[in-house]
PDB file of N, CA and C in Angstrom:
ATOM      1  N   MET A   1       0.807  -1.197   0.000  1.00  0.00           N
ATOM      2  CA  MET A   1       0.000   0.000   0.000  1.00  0.00           C
ATOM      3  C   MET A   1       0.850   1.261   0.000  1.00  0.00           C
ATOM      4  N   GLY A   2       2.057   1.140   0.479  1.00  0.00           N
ATOM      5  CA  GLY A   2       2.923   2.298   0.536  1.00  0.00           C
ATOM      6  C   GLY A   2       3.272   2.870  -0.818  1.00  0.00           C
ATOM      7  N   ARG A   3       3.095   2.091  -1.870  1.00  0.00           N
ATOM      8  CA  ARG A   3       3.401   2.575  -3.217  1.00  0.00           C
ATOM      9  C   ARG A   3       2.242   3.340  -3.848  1.00  0.00           C
ATOM     10  N   LEU A   4       1.065   3.295  -3.198  1.00  0.00           N
ATOM     11  CA  LEU A   4      -0.080   4.030  -3.718  1.00  0.00           C
ATOM     12  C   LEU A   4       0.073   5.515  -3.421  1.00  0.00           C
ATOM     13  N   PRO A   5      -0.474   6.369  -4.291  1.00  0.00           N
ATOM     14  CA  PRO A   5      -0.441   7.807  -4.003  1.00  0.00           C
ATOM     15  C   PRO A   5      -1.166   8.103  -2.688  1.00  0.00           C
ATOM     16  N   LYS A   6      -0.735   9.152  -2.014  1.00  0.00           N
ATOM     17  CA  LYS A   6      -1.282   9.508  -0.703  1.00  0.00           C
ATOM     18  C   LYS A   6      -2.805   9.649  -0.716  1.00  0.00           C
ATOM     19  N   HIS A   7      -3.366  10.205  -1.793  1.00  0.00           N
ATOM     20  CA  HIS A   7      -4.824  10.419  -1.825  1.00  0.00           C
ATOM     21  C   HIS A   7      -5.615   9.103  -1.876  1.00  0.00           C
ATOM     22  N   LEU A   8      -4.944   8.011  -2.138  1.00  0.00           N
ATOM     23  CA  LEU A   8      -5.604   6.704  -2.108  1.00  0.00           C
ATOM     24  C   LEU A   8      -5.358   5.972  -0.786  1.00  0.00           C
ATOM     25  N   ARG A   9      -4.658   6.624   0.137  1.00  0.00           N
ATOM     26  CA  ARG A   9      -4.362   6.025   1.448  1.00  0.00           C
ATOM     27  C   ARG A   9      -4.896   6.903   2.578  1.00  0.00           C
ATOM     28  N   ASN A  10      -6.129   7.341   2.457  1.00  0.00           N
ATOM     29  CA  ASN A  10      -6.704   8.210   3.489  1.00  0.00           C
ATOM     30  C   ASN A  10      -6.954   7.463   4.783  1.00  0.00           C
ATOM     31  N   SER A  11      -7.540   6.294   4.683  1.00  0.00           N
ATOM     32  CA  SER A  11      -7.842   5.523   5.887  1.00  0.00           C
ATOM     33  C   SER A  11      -8.010   4.051   5.521  1.00  0.00           C
ATOM     34  N   LEU A  12      -8.005   3.232   6.552  1.00  0.00           N
ATOM     35  CA  LEU A  12      -8.149   1.787   6.410  1.00  0.00           C
ATOM     36  C   LEU A  12      -9.081   1.329   7.520  1.00  0.00           C
ATOM     37  N   THR A  13     -10.080   0.520   7.185  1.00  0.00           N
ATOM     38  CA  THR A  13     -11.007   0.017   8.189  1.00  0.00           C
ATOM     39  C   THR A  13     -10.839  -1.484   8.284  1.00  0.00           C
ATOM     40  N   TRP A  14     -10.579  -1.944   9.499  1.00  0.00           N
ATOM     41  CA  TRP A  14     -10.333  -3.354   9.748  1.00  0.00           C
ATOM     42  C   TRP A  14     -11.400  -3.949  10.652  1.00  0.00           C
ATOM     43  N   ASP A  15     -11.417  -5.247  10.644  1.00  0.00           N
ATOM     44  CA  ASP A  15     -12.269  -6.023  11.514  1.00  0.00           C
ATOM     45  C   ASP A  15     -11.617  -6.055  12.904  1.00  0.00           C
ATOM     46  N   GLN A  16     -12.156  -6.816  13.811  1.00  0.00           N
ATOM     47  CA  GLN A  16     -11.650  -6.883  15.183  1.00  0.00           C
ATOM     48  C   GLN A  16     -10.663  -8.033  15.420  1.00  0.00           C
ATOM     49  N   GLY A  17     -10.192  -8.698  14.376  1.00  0.00           N
ATOM     50  CA  GLY A  17      -9.344  -9.875  14.533  1.00  0.00           C
ATOM     51  C   GLY A  17      -8.013  -9.606  15.210  1.00  0.00           C
ATOM     52  N   SER A  18      -7.537 -10.592  15.950  1.00  0.00           N
ATOM     53  CA  SER A  18      -6.258 -10.459  16.656  1.00  0.00           C
ATOM     54  C   SER A  18      -5.074 -10.352  15.698  1.00  0.00           C
ATOM     55  N   GLU A  19      -5.276 -10.801  14.453  1.00  0.00           N
ATOM     56  CA  GLU A  19      -4.195 -10.709  13.471  1.00  0.00           C
ATOM     57  C   GLU A  19      -3.885  -9.260  13.102  1.00  0.00           C
ATOM     58  N   LEU A  20      -4.708  -8.335  13.556  1.00  0.00           N
ATOM     59  CA  LEU A  20      -4.518  -6.923  13.239  1.00  0.00           C
ATOM     60  C   LEU A  20      -3.961  -6.139  14.420  1.00  0.00           C
ATOM     61  N   ALA A  21      -3.333  -6.843  15.345  1.00  0.00           N
ATOM     62  CA  ALA A  21      -2.818  -6.223  16.566  1.00  0.00           C
ATOM     63  C   ALA A  21      -1.733  -5.177  16.299  1.00  0.00           C
ATOM     64  N   LEU A  22      -1.065  -5.258  15.187  1.00  0.00           N
ATOM     65  CA  LEU A  22       0.015  -4.314  14.876  1.00  0.00           C
ATOM     66  C   LEU A  22      -0.490  -3.109  14.075  1.00  0.00           C
ATOM     67  N   HIS A  23      -1.752  -2.749  14.262  1.00  0.00           N
ATOM     68  CA  HIS A  23      -2.351  -1.672  13.483  1.00  0.00           C
ATOM     69  C   HIS A  23      -1.622  -0.343  13.653  1.00  0.00           C
ATOM     70  N   LYS A  24      -1.051  -0.081  14.812  1.00  0.00           N
ATOM     71  CA  LYS A  24      -0.344   1.196  15.013  1.00  0.00           C
ATOM     72  C   LYS A  24       0.904   1.265  14.133  1.00  0.00           C
ATOM     73  N   ARG A  25       1.574   0.148  13.997  1.00  0.00           N
ATOM     74  CA  ARG A  25       2.765   0.107  13.141  1.00  0.00           C
ATOM     75  C   ARG A  25       2.385   0.356  11.681  1.00  0.00           C
ATOM     76  N   VAL A  26       1.288  -0.259  11.244  1.00  0.00           N
ATOM     77  CA  VAL A  26       0.811  -0.074   9.871  1.00  0.00           C
ATOM     78  C   VAL A  26       0.414   1.384   9.662  1.00  0.00           C
ATOM     79  N   SER A  27      -0.335   1.926  10.609  1.00  0.00           N
ATOM     80  CA  SER A  27      -0.790   3.318  10.522  1.00  0.00           C
ATOM     81  C   SER A  27       0.392   4.273  10.406  1.00  0.00           C
ATOM     82  N   THR A  28       1.410   4.065  11.223  1.00  0.00           N
ATOM     83  CA  THR A  28       2.593   4.930  11.209  1.00  0.00           C
ATOM     84  C   THR A  28       3.384   4.766   9.920  1.00  0.00           C
ATOM     85  N   ALA A  29       3.598   3.534   9.501  1.00  0.00           N
ATOM     86  CA  ALA A  29       4.395   3.279   8.297  1.00  0.00           C
ATOM     87  C   ALA A  29       3.741   3.857   7.044  1.00  0.00           C
ATOM     88  N   LEU A  30       2.410   3.833   6.995  1.00  0.00           N
ATOM     89  CA  LEU A  30       1.713   4.296   5.802  1.00  0.00           C
ATOM     90  C   LEU A  30       1.210   5.733   5.919  1.00  0.00           C
ATOM     91  N   GLY A  31       1.303   6.291   7.114  1.00  0.00           N
ATOM     92  CA  GLY A  31       0.807   7.645   7.312  1.00  0.00           C
ATOM     93  C   GLY A  31      -0.687   7.752   7.096  1.00  0.00           C
ATOM     94  N   MET A  32      -1.434   6.767   7.585  1.00  0.00           N
ATOM     95  CA  MET A  32      -2.883   6.782   7.406  1.00  0.00           C
ATOM     96  C   MET A  32      -3.590   6.331   8.671  1.00  0.00           C
ATOM     97  N   ASP A  33      -4.828   6.797   8.819  1.00  0.00           N
ATOM     98  CA  ASP A  33      -5.629   6.402   9.968  1.00  0.00           C
ATOM     99  C   ASP A  33      -6.143   4.981   9.781  1.00  0.00           C
ATOM    100  N   VAL A  34      -6.192   4.227  10.877  1.00  0.00           N
ATOM    101  CA  VAL A  34      -6.759   2.884  10.875  1.00  0.00           C
ATOM    102  C   VAL A  34      -7.943   2.889  11.827  1.00  0.00           C
ATOM    103  N   TYR A  35      -9.072   2.431  11.325  1.00  0.00           N
ATOM    104  CA  TYR A  35     -10.291   2.352  12.119  1.00  0.00           C
ATOM    105  C   TYR A  35     -10.704   0.892  12.252  1.00  0.00           C
ATOM    106  N   PHE A  36     -11.492   0.616  13.276  1.00  0.00           N
ATOM    107  CA  PHE A  36     -12.008  -0.734  13.487  1.00  0.00           C
ATOM    108  C   PHE A  36     -13.528  -0.716  13.483  1.00  0.00           C
ATOM    109  N   CYS A  37     -14.113  -1.722  12.868  1.00  0.00           N
ATOM    110  CA  CYS A  37     -15.563  -1.881  12.882  1.00  0.00           C
ATOM    111  C   CYS A  37     -15.998  -2.343  14.270  1.00  0.00           C
ATOM    112  N   ASP A  38     -17.244  -2.075  14.583  1.00  0.00           N
ATOM    113  CA  ASP A  38     -17.797  -2.585  15.832  1.00  0.00           C
ATOM    114  C   ASP A  38     -17.926  -4.098  15.746  1.00  0.00           C
ATOM    115  N   PRO A  39     -17.748  -4.797  16.868  1.00  0.00           N
ATOM    116  CA  PRO A  39     -17.905  -6.258  16.860  1.00  0.00           C
ATOM    117  C   PRO A  39     -19.300  -6.659  16.384  1.00  0.00           C
ATOM    118  N   HIS A  40     -19.349  -7.728  15.620  1.00  0.00           N
ATOM    119  CA  HIS A  40     -20.599  -8.312  15.127  1.00  0.00           C
ATOM    120  C   HIS A  40     -21.417  -7.309  14.313  1.00  0.00           C
ATOM    121  N   SER A  41     -20.739  -6.488  13.509  1.00  0.00           N
ATOM    122  CA  SER A  41     -21.409  -5.483  12.685  1.00  0.00           C
ATOM    123  C   SER A  41     -20.919  -5.579  11.238  1.00  0.00           C
ATOM    124  N   PRO A  42     -21.215  -6.687  10.549  1.00  0.00           N
ATOM    125  CA  PRO A  42     -20.692  -6.877   9.192  1.00  0.00           C
ATOM    126  C   PRO A  42     -21.163  -5.829   8.191  1.00  0.00           C
ATOM    127  N   TRP A  43     -22.273  -5.142   8.454  1.00  0.00           N
ATOM    128  CA  TRP A  43     -22.753  -4.114   7.534  1.00  0.00           C
ATOM    129  C   TRP A  43     -21.801  -2.924   7.478  1.00  0.00           C
ATOM    130  N   GLN A  44     -20.914  -2.804   8.458  1.00  0.00           N
ATOM    131  CA  GLN A  44     -19.947  -1.706   8.452  1.00  0.00           C
ATOM    132  C   GLN A  44     -18.789  -1.974   7.503  1.00  0.00           C
ATOM    133  N   ARG A  45     -18.721  -3.155   6.978  1.00  0.00           N
ATOM    134  CA  ARG A  45     -17.648  -3.510   6.042  1.00  0.00           C
ATOM    135  C   ARG A  45     -18.209  -4.370   4.920  1.00  0.00           C
ATOM    136  N   GLY A  46     -19.208  -3.817   4.229  1.00  0.00           N
ATOM    137  CA  GLY A  46     -19.923  -4.549   3.189  1.00  0.00           C
ATOM    138  C   GLY A  46     -19.049  -5.083   2.064  1.00  0.00           C
ATOM    139  N   THR A  47     -18.157  -4.239   1.543  1.00  0.00           N
ATOM    140  CA  THR A  47     -17.288  -4.685   0.451  1.00  0.00           C
ATOM    141  C   THR A  47     -16.391  -5.821   0.916  1.00  0.00           C
ATOM    142  N   ASN A  48     -15.891  -5.732   2.151  1.00  0.00           N
ATOM    143  CA  ASN A  48     -15.056  -6.787   2.698  1.00  0.00           C
ATOM    144  C   ASN A  48     -15.826  -8.092   2.818  1.00  0.00           C
ATOM    145  N   GLU A  49     -17.050  -8.024   3.314  1.00  0.00           N
ATOM    146  CA  GLU A  49     -17.870  -9.226   3.460  1.00  0.00           C
ATOM    147  C   GLU A  49     -18.157  -9.853   2.101  1.00  0.00           C
ATOM    148  N   ASN A  50     -18.451  -9.024   1.113  1.00  0.00           N
ATOM    149  CA  ASN A  50     -18.709  -9.531  -0.233  1.00  0.00           C
ATOM    150  C   ASN A  50     -17.457 -10.187  -0.807  1.00  0.00           C
ATOM    151  N   THR A  51     -16.321  -9.541  -0.625  1.00  0.00           N
ATOM    152  CA  THR A  51     -15.062 -10.095  -1.141  1.00  0.00           C
ATOM    153  C   THR A  51     -14.728 -11.416  -0.461  1.00  0.00           C
ATOM    154  N   ASN A  52     -14.958 -11.496   0.850  1.00  0.00           N
ATOM    155  CA  ASN A  52     -14.728 -12.769   1.546  1.00  0.00           C
ATOM    156  C   ASN A  52     -15.578 -13.870   0.942  1.00  0.00           C
ATOM    157  N   GLY A  53     -16.837 -13.568   0.631  1.00  0.00           N
ATOM    158  CA  GLY A  53     -17.710 -14.561   0.007  1.00  0.00           C
ATOM    159  C   GLY A  53     -17.180 -15.006  -1.343  1.00  0.00           C
ATOM    160  N   LEU A  54     -16.673 -14.059  -2.131  1.00  0.00           N
ATOM    161  CA  LEU A  54     -16.110 -14.411  -3.439  1.00  0.00           C
ATOM    162  C   LEU A  54     -14.855 -15.267  -3.278  1.00  0.00           C
ATOM    163  N   LEU A  55     -14.041 -14.950  -2.270  1.00  0.00           N
ATOM    164  CA  LEU A  55     -12.814 -15.720  -2.042  1.00  0.00           C
ATOM    165  C   LEU A  55     -13.107 -17.161  -1.624  1.00  0.00           C
ATOM    166  N   ARG A  56     -14.265 -17.394  -1.012  1.00  0.00           N
ATOM    167  CA  ARG A  56     -14.641 -18.760  -0.609  1.00  0.00           C
ATOM    168  C   ARG A  56     -14.792 -19.679  -1.819  1.00  0.00           C
ATOM    169  N   GLN A  57     -14.949 -19.100  -3.013  1.00  0.00           N
ATOM    170  CA  GLN A  57     -14.997 -19.916  -4.233  1.00  0.00           C
ATOM    171  C   GLN A  57     -13.632 -20.544  -4.524  1.00  0.00           C
ATOM    172  N   TYR A  58     -12.593 -19.942  -3.990  1.00  0.00           N
ATOM    173  CA  TYR A  58     -11.235 -20.433  -4.222  1.00  0.00           C
ATOM    174  C   TYR A  58     -10.641 -21.104  -2.991  1.00  0.00           C
ATOM    175  N   PHE A  59     -10.997 -20.569  -1.816  1.00  0.00           N
ATOM    176  CA  PHE A  59     -10.407 -21.053  -0.568  1.00  0.00           C
ATOM    177  C   PHE A  59     -11.528 -21.316   0.448  1.00  0.00           C
ATOM    178  N   PRO A  60     -11.735 -22.559   0.827  1.00  0.00           N
ATOM    179  CA  PRO A  60     -12.763 -22.810   1.846  1.00  0.00           C
ATOM    180  C   PRO A  60     -12.386 -22.150   3.176  1.00  0.00           C
ATOM    181  N   LYS A  61     -13.387 -21.844   3.980  1.00  0.00           N
ATOM    182  CA  LYS A  61     -13.138 -21.209   5.273  1.00  0.00           C
ATOM    183  C   LYS A  61     -12.165 -22.061   6.071  1.00  0.00           C
ATOM    184  N   GLY A  62     -11.150 -21.424   6.647  1.00  0.00           N
ATOM    185  CA  GLY A  62     -10.152 -22.120   7.445  1.00  0.00           C
ATOM    186  C   GLY A  62      -9.024 -22.728   6.629  1.00  0.00           C
ATOM    187  N   ALA A  63      -9.033 -22.515   5.315  1.00  0.00           N
ATOM    188  CA  ALA A  63      -7.985 -23.084   4.459  1.00  0.00           C
ATOM    189  C   ALA A  63      -6.624 -22.501   4.825  1.00  0.00           C
ATOM    190  N   ASP A  64      -5.598 -23.326   4.739  1.00  0.00           N
ATOM    191  CA  ASP A  64      -4.229 -22.892   4.990  1.00  0.00           C
ATOM    192  C   ASP A  64      -3.630 -22.427   3.669  1.00  0.00           C
ATOM    193  N   LEU A  65      -3.445 -21.121   3.528  1.00  0.00           N
ATOM    194  CA  LEU A  65      -2.907 -20.576   2.283  1.00  0.00           C
ATOM    195  C   LEU A  65      -1.428 -20.876   2.118  1.00  0.00           C
ATOM    196  N   GLY A  66      -0.794 -21.362   3.190  1.00  0.00           N
ATOM    197  CA  GLY A  66       0.623 -21.713   3.116  1.00  0.00           C
ATOM    198  C   GLY A  66       0.898 -22.825   2.115  1.00  0.00           C
ATOM    199  N   GLY A  67      -0.103 -23.611   1.800  1.00  0.00           N
ATOM    200  CA  GLY A  67       0.062 -24.693   0.834  1.00  0.00           C
ATOM    201  C   GLY A  67      -0.184 -24.270  -0.601  1.00  0.00           C
ATOM    202  N   CYS A  68      -0.526 -23.009  -0.812  1.00  0.00           N
ATOM    203  CA  CYS A  68      -0.802 -22.502  -2.159  1.00  0.00           C
ATOM    204  C   CYS A  68       0.458 -21.868  -2.743  1.00  0.00           C
ATOM    205  N   SER A  69       0.663 -22.101  -4.014  1.00  0.00           N
ATOM    206  CA  SER A  69       1.819 -21.489  -4.666  1.00  0.00           C
ATOM    207  C   SER A  69       1.562 -20.006  -4.883  1.00  0.00           C
ATOM    208  N   GLN A  70       2.629 -19.231  -4.982  1.00  0.00           N
ATOM    209  CA  GLN A  70       2.490 -17.802  -5.259  1.00  0.00           C
ATOM    210  C   GLN A  70       1.805 -17.590  -6.600  1.00  0.00           C
ATOM    211  N   ALA A  71       2.094 -18.459  -7.568  1.00  0.00           N
ATOM    212  CA  ALA A  71       1.473 -18.339  -8.889  1.00  0.00           C
ATOM    213  C   ALA A  71      -0.047 -18.494  -8.784  1.00  0.00           C
ATOM    214  N   TYR A  72      -0.508 -19.440  -7.950  1.00  0.00           N
ATOM    215  CA  TYR A  72      -1.948 -19.637  -7.779  1.00  0.00           C
ATOM    216  C   TYR A  72      -2.574 -18.431  -7.086  1.00  0.00           C
ATOM    217  N   LEU A  73      -1.929 -17.934  -6.026  1.00  0.00           N
ATOM    218  CA  LEU A  73      -2.443 -16.761  -5.321  1.00  0.00           C
ATOM    219  C   LEU A  73      -2.513 -15.550  -6.247  1.00  0.00           C
ATOM    220  N   ASP A  74      -1.492 -15.378  -7.091  1.00  0.00           N
ATOM    221  CA  ASP A  74      -1.498 -14.280  -8.055  1.00  0.00           C
ATOM    222  C   ASP A  74      -2.624 -14.437  -9.073  1.00  0.00           C
ATOM    223  N   ALA A  75      -2.877 -15.669  -9.511  1.00  0.00           N
ATOM    224  CA  ALA A  75      -3.953 -15.923 -10.471  1.00  0.00           C
ATOM    225  C   ALA A  75      -5.321 -15.622  -9.862  1.00  0.00           C
ATOM    226  N   VAL A  76      -5.506 -16.001  -8.603  1.00  0.00           N
ATOM    227  CA  VAL A  76      -6.766 -15.692  -7.910  1.00  0.00           C
ATOM    228  C   VAL A  76      -6.932 -14.184  -7.786  1.00  0.00           C
ATOM    229  N   ALA A  77      -5.881 -13.487  -7.396  1.00  0.00           N
ATOM    230  CA  ALA A  77      -5.941 -12.023  -7.267  1.00  0.00           C
ATOM    231  C   ALA A  77      -6.295 -11.383  -8.609  1.00  0.00           C
ATOM    232  N   GLU A  78      -5.710 -11.874  -9.676  1.00  0.00           N
ATOM    233  CA  GLU A  78      -6.000 -11.322 -11.003  1.00  0.00           C
ATOM    234  C   GLU A  78      -7.459 -11.568 -11.384  1.00  0.00           C
ATOM    235  N   GLU A  79      -7.965 -12.761 -11.125  1.00  0.00           N
ATOM    236  CA  GLU A  79      -9.371 -13.054 -11.408  1.00  0.00           C
ATOM    237  C   GLU A  79     -10.294 -12.162 -10.588  1.00  0.00           C
ATOM    238  N   MET A  80      -9.965 -11.987  -9.314  1.00  0.00           N
ATOM    239  CA  MET A  80     -10.794 -11.150  -8.443  1.00  0.00           C
ATOM    240  C   MET A  80     -10.797  -9.698  -8.938  1.00  0.00           C
ATOM    241  N   ASN A  81      -9.660  -9.201  -9.362  1.00  0.00           N
ATOM    242  CA  ASN A  81      -9.560  -7.817  -9.820  1.00  0.00           C
ATOM    243  C   ASN A  81     -10.145  -7.603 -11.208  1.00  0.00           C
ATOM    244  N   ASP A  82     -10.383  -8.684 -11.938  1.00  0.00           N
ATOM    245  CA  ASP A  82     -10.986  -8.581 -13.267  1.00  0.00           C
ATOM    246  C   ASP A  82     -12.459  -8.983 -13.269  1.00  0.00           C
ATOM    247  N   ARG A  83     -13.048  -9.069 -12.083  1.00  0.00           N
ATOM    248  CA  ARG A  83     -14.460  -9.444 -11.952  1.00  0.00           C
ATOM    249  C   ARG A  83     -15.288  -8.180 -11.739  1.00  0.00           C
ATOM    250  N   PRO A  84     -16.224  -7.877 -12.647  1.00  0.00           N
ATOM    251  CA  PRO A  84     -17.041  -6.668 -12.487  1.00  0.00           C
ATOM    252  C   PRO A  84     -17.799  -6.681 -11.159  1.00  0.00           C
ATOM    253  N   ARG A  85     -17.935  -5.497 -10.557  1.00  0.00           N
ATOM    254  CA  ARG A  85     -18.609  -5.353  -9.262  1.00  0.00           C
ATOM    255  C   ARG A  85     -19.744  -4.347  -9.373  1.00  0.00           C
ATOM    256  N   LYS A  86     -20.863  -4.694  -8.807  1.00  0.00           N
ATOM    257  CA  LYS A  86     -22.025  -3.806  -8.805  1.00  0.00           C
ATOM    258  C   LYS A  86     -21.687  -2.456  -8.166  1.00  0.00           C
ATOM    259  N   ILE A  87     -20.962  -2.486  -7.034  1.00  0.00           N
ATOM    260  CA  ILE A  87     -20.616  -1.269  -6.301  1.00  0.00           C
ATOM    261  C   ILE A  87     -19.789  -0.300  -7.157  1.00  0.00           C
ATOM    262  N   LEU A  88     -19.136  -0.823  -8.184  1.00  0.00           N
ATOM    263  CA  LEU A  88     -18.304  -0.001  -9.083  1.00  0.00           C
ATOM    264  C   LEU A  88     -19.020   0.283 -10.400  1.00  0.00           C
ATOM    265  N   GLY A  89     -20.347   0.148 -10.404  1.00  0.00           N
ATOM    266  CA  GLY A  89     -21.089   0.367 -11.645  1.00  0.00           C
ATOM    267  C   GLY A  89     -20.780  -0.703 -12.672  1.00  0.00           C
ATOM    268  N   PHE A  90     -20.537  -1.908 -12.199  1.00  0.00           N
ATOM    269  CA  PHE A  90     -20.198  -3.078 -13.008  1.00  0.00           C
ATOM    270  C   PHE A  90     -18.893  -2.927 -13.772  1.00  0.00           C
ATOM    271  N   ARG A  91     -18.026  -2.046 -13.241  1.00  0.00           N
ATOM    272  CA  ARG A  91     -16.659  -1.985 -13.755  1.00  0.00           C
ATOM    273  C   ARG A  91     -15.821  -2.961 -12.946  1.00  0.00           C
ATOM    274  N   LYS A  92     -14.662  -3.281 -13.451  1.00  0.00           N
ATOM    275  CA  LYS A  92     -13.729  -4.166 -12.756  1.00  0.00           C
ATOM    276  C   LYS A  92     -12.909  -3.349 -11.756  1.00  0.00           C
ATOM    277  N   PRO A  93     -12.538  -3.942 -10.616  1.00  0.00           N
ATOM    278  CA  PRO A  93     -11.656  -3.228  -9.685  1.00  0.00           C
ATOM    279  C   PRO A  93     -10.364  -2.760 -10.356  1.00  0.00           C
ATOM    280  N   SER A  94      -9.838  -3.567 -11.257  1.00  0.00           N
ATOM    281  CA  SER A  94      -8.602  -3.187 -11.948  1.00  0.00           C
ATOM    282  C   SER A  94      -8.810  -1.919 -12.781  1.00  0.00           C
ATOM    283  N   GLU A  95      -9.993  -1.751 -13.353  1.00  0.00           N
ATOM    284  CA  GLU A  95     -10.294  -0.535 -14.114  1.00  0.00           C
ATOM    285  C   GLU A  95     -10.462   0.663 -13.181  1.00  0.00           C
ATOM    286  N   ALA A  96     -11.166   0.447 -12.081  1.00  0.00           N
ATOM    287  CA  ALA A  96     -11.429   1.540 -11.139  1.00  0.00           C
ATOM    288  C   ALA A  96     -10.132   2.078 -10.530  1.00  0.00           C
ATOM    289  N   VAL A  97      -9.227   1.195 -10.158  1.00  0.00           N
ATOM    290  CA  VAL A  97      -7.976   1.660  -9.549  1.00  0.00           C
ATOM    291  C   VAL A  97      -7.104   2.373 -10.583  1.00  0.00           C
ATOM    292  N   LEU A  98      -7.137   1.918 -11.826  1.00  0.00           N
ATOM    293  CA  LEU A  98      -6.373   2.627 -12.865  1.00  0.00           C
ATOM    294  C   LEU A  98      -6.923   4.030 -13.073  1.00  0.00           C
ATOM    295  N   ASP A  99      -8.238   4.187 -13.030  1.00  0.00           N
ATOM    296  CA  ASP A  99      -8.839   5.517 -13.150  1.00  0.00           C
ATOM    297  C   ASP A  99      -8.360   6.424 -12.019  1.00  0.00           C
ATOM    298  N   LEU A 100      -8.325   5.887 -10.799  1.00  0.00           N
ATOM    299  CA  LEU A 100      -7.868   6.675  -9.644  1.00  0.00           C
ATOM    300  C   LEU A 100      -6.388   7.033  -9.756  1.00  0.00           C
ATOM    301  N   LEU A 101      -5.586   6.098 -10.238  1.00  0.00           N
ATOM    302  CA  LEU A 101      -4.157   6.378 -10.410  1.00  0.00           C
ATOM    303  C   LEU A 101      -3.913   7.400 -11.511  1.00  0.00           C
ATOM    304  N   ASP A 102      -4.700   7.311 -12.573  1.00  0.00           N
ATOM    305  CA  ASP A 102      -4.556   8.279 -13.679  1.00  0.00           C
ATOM    306  C   ASP A 102      -4.946   9.685 -13.242  1.00  0.00           C
ATOM    307  N   ALA A 103      -5.888   9.781 -12.294  1.00  0.00           N
ATOM    308  CA  ALA A 103      -6.345  11.084 -11.812  1.00  0.00           C
ATOM    309  C   ALA A 103      -5.334  11.738 -10.876  1.00  0.00           C
ATOM    310  N   ALA A 104      -4.333  10.971 -10.451  1.00  0.00           N
ATOM    311  CA  ALA A 104      -3.364  11.484  -9.462  1.00  0.00           C
ATOM    312  C   ALA A 104      -2.442  12.515 -10.067  1.00  0.00           C
TER     313      ALA A 104
END
């Protein structure tokens, strides 16, 4: 994320998971605010919940990603970024981020 222009790093909203305990380090390193959703409030992170559901098509809940090759993980990321999203007016995330980068 540090390679993104500053205007694309305004804030980051995370869930309450213990894996995010180093949020202060991330916030400082990236120069951005980190917020947390309220517990048991998935509507506060709708895009995240939707993306998790899409990822379940590739990785069942609780799957160990350590057994996946980097090539496979990259292929999944590419497929996810090339999948049109309703929230983006049925544009692909890869198109939307390029538009934001071009506007910088």
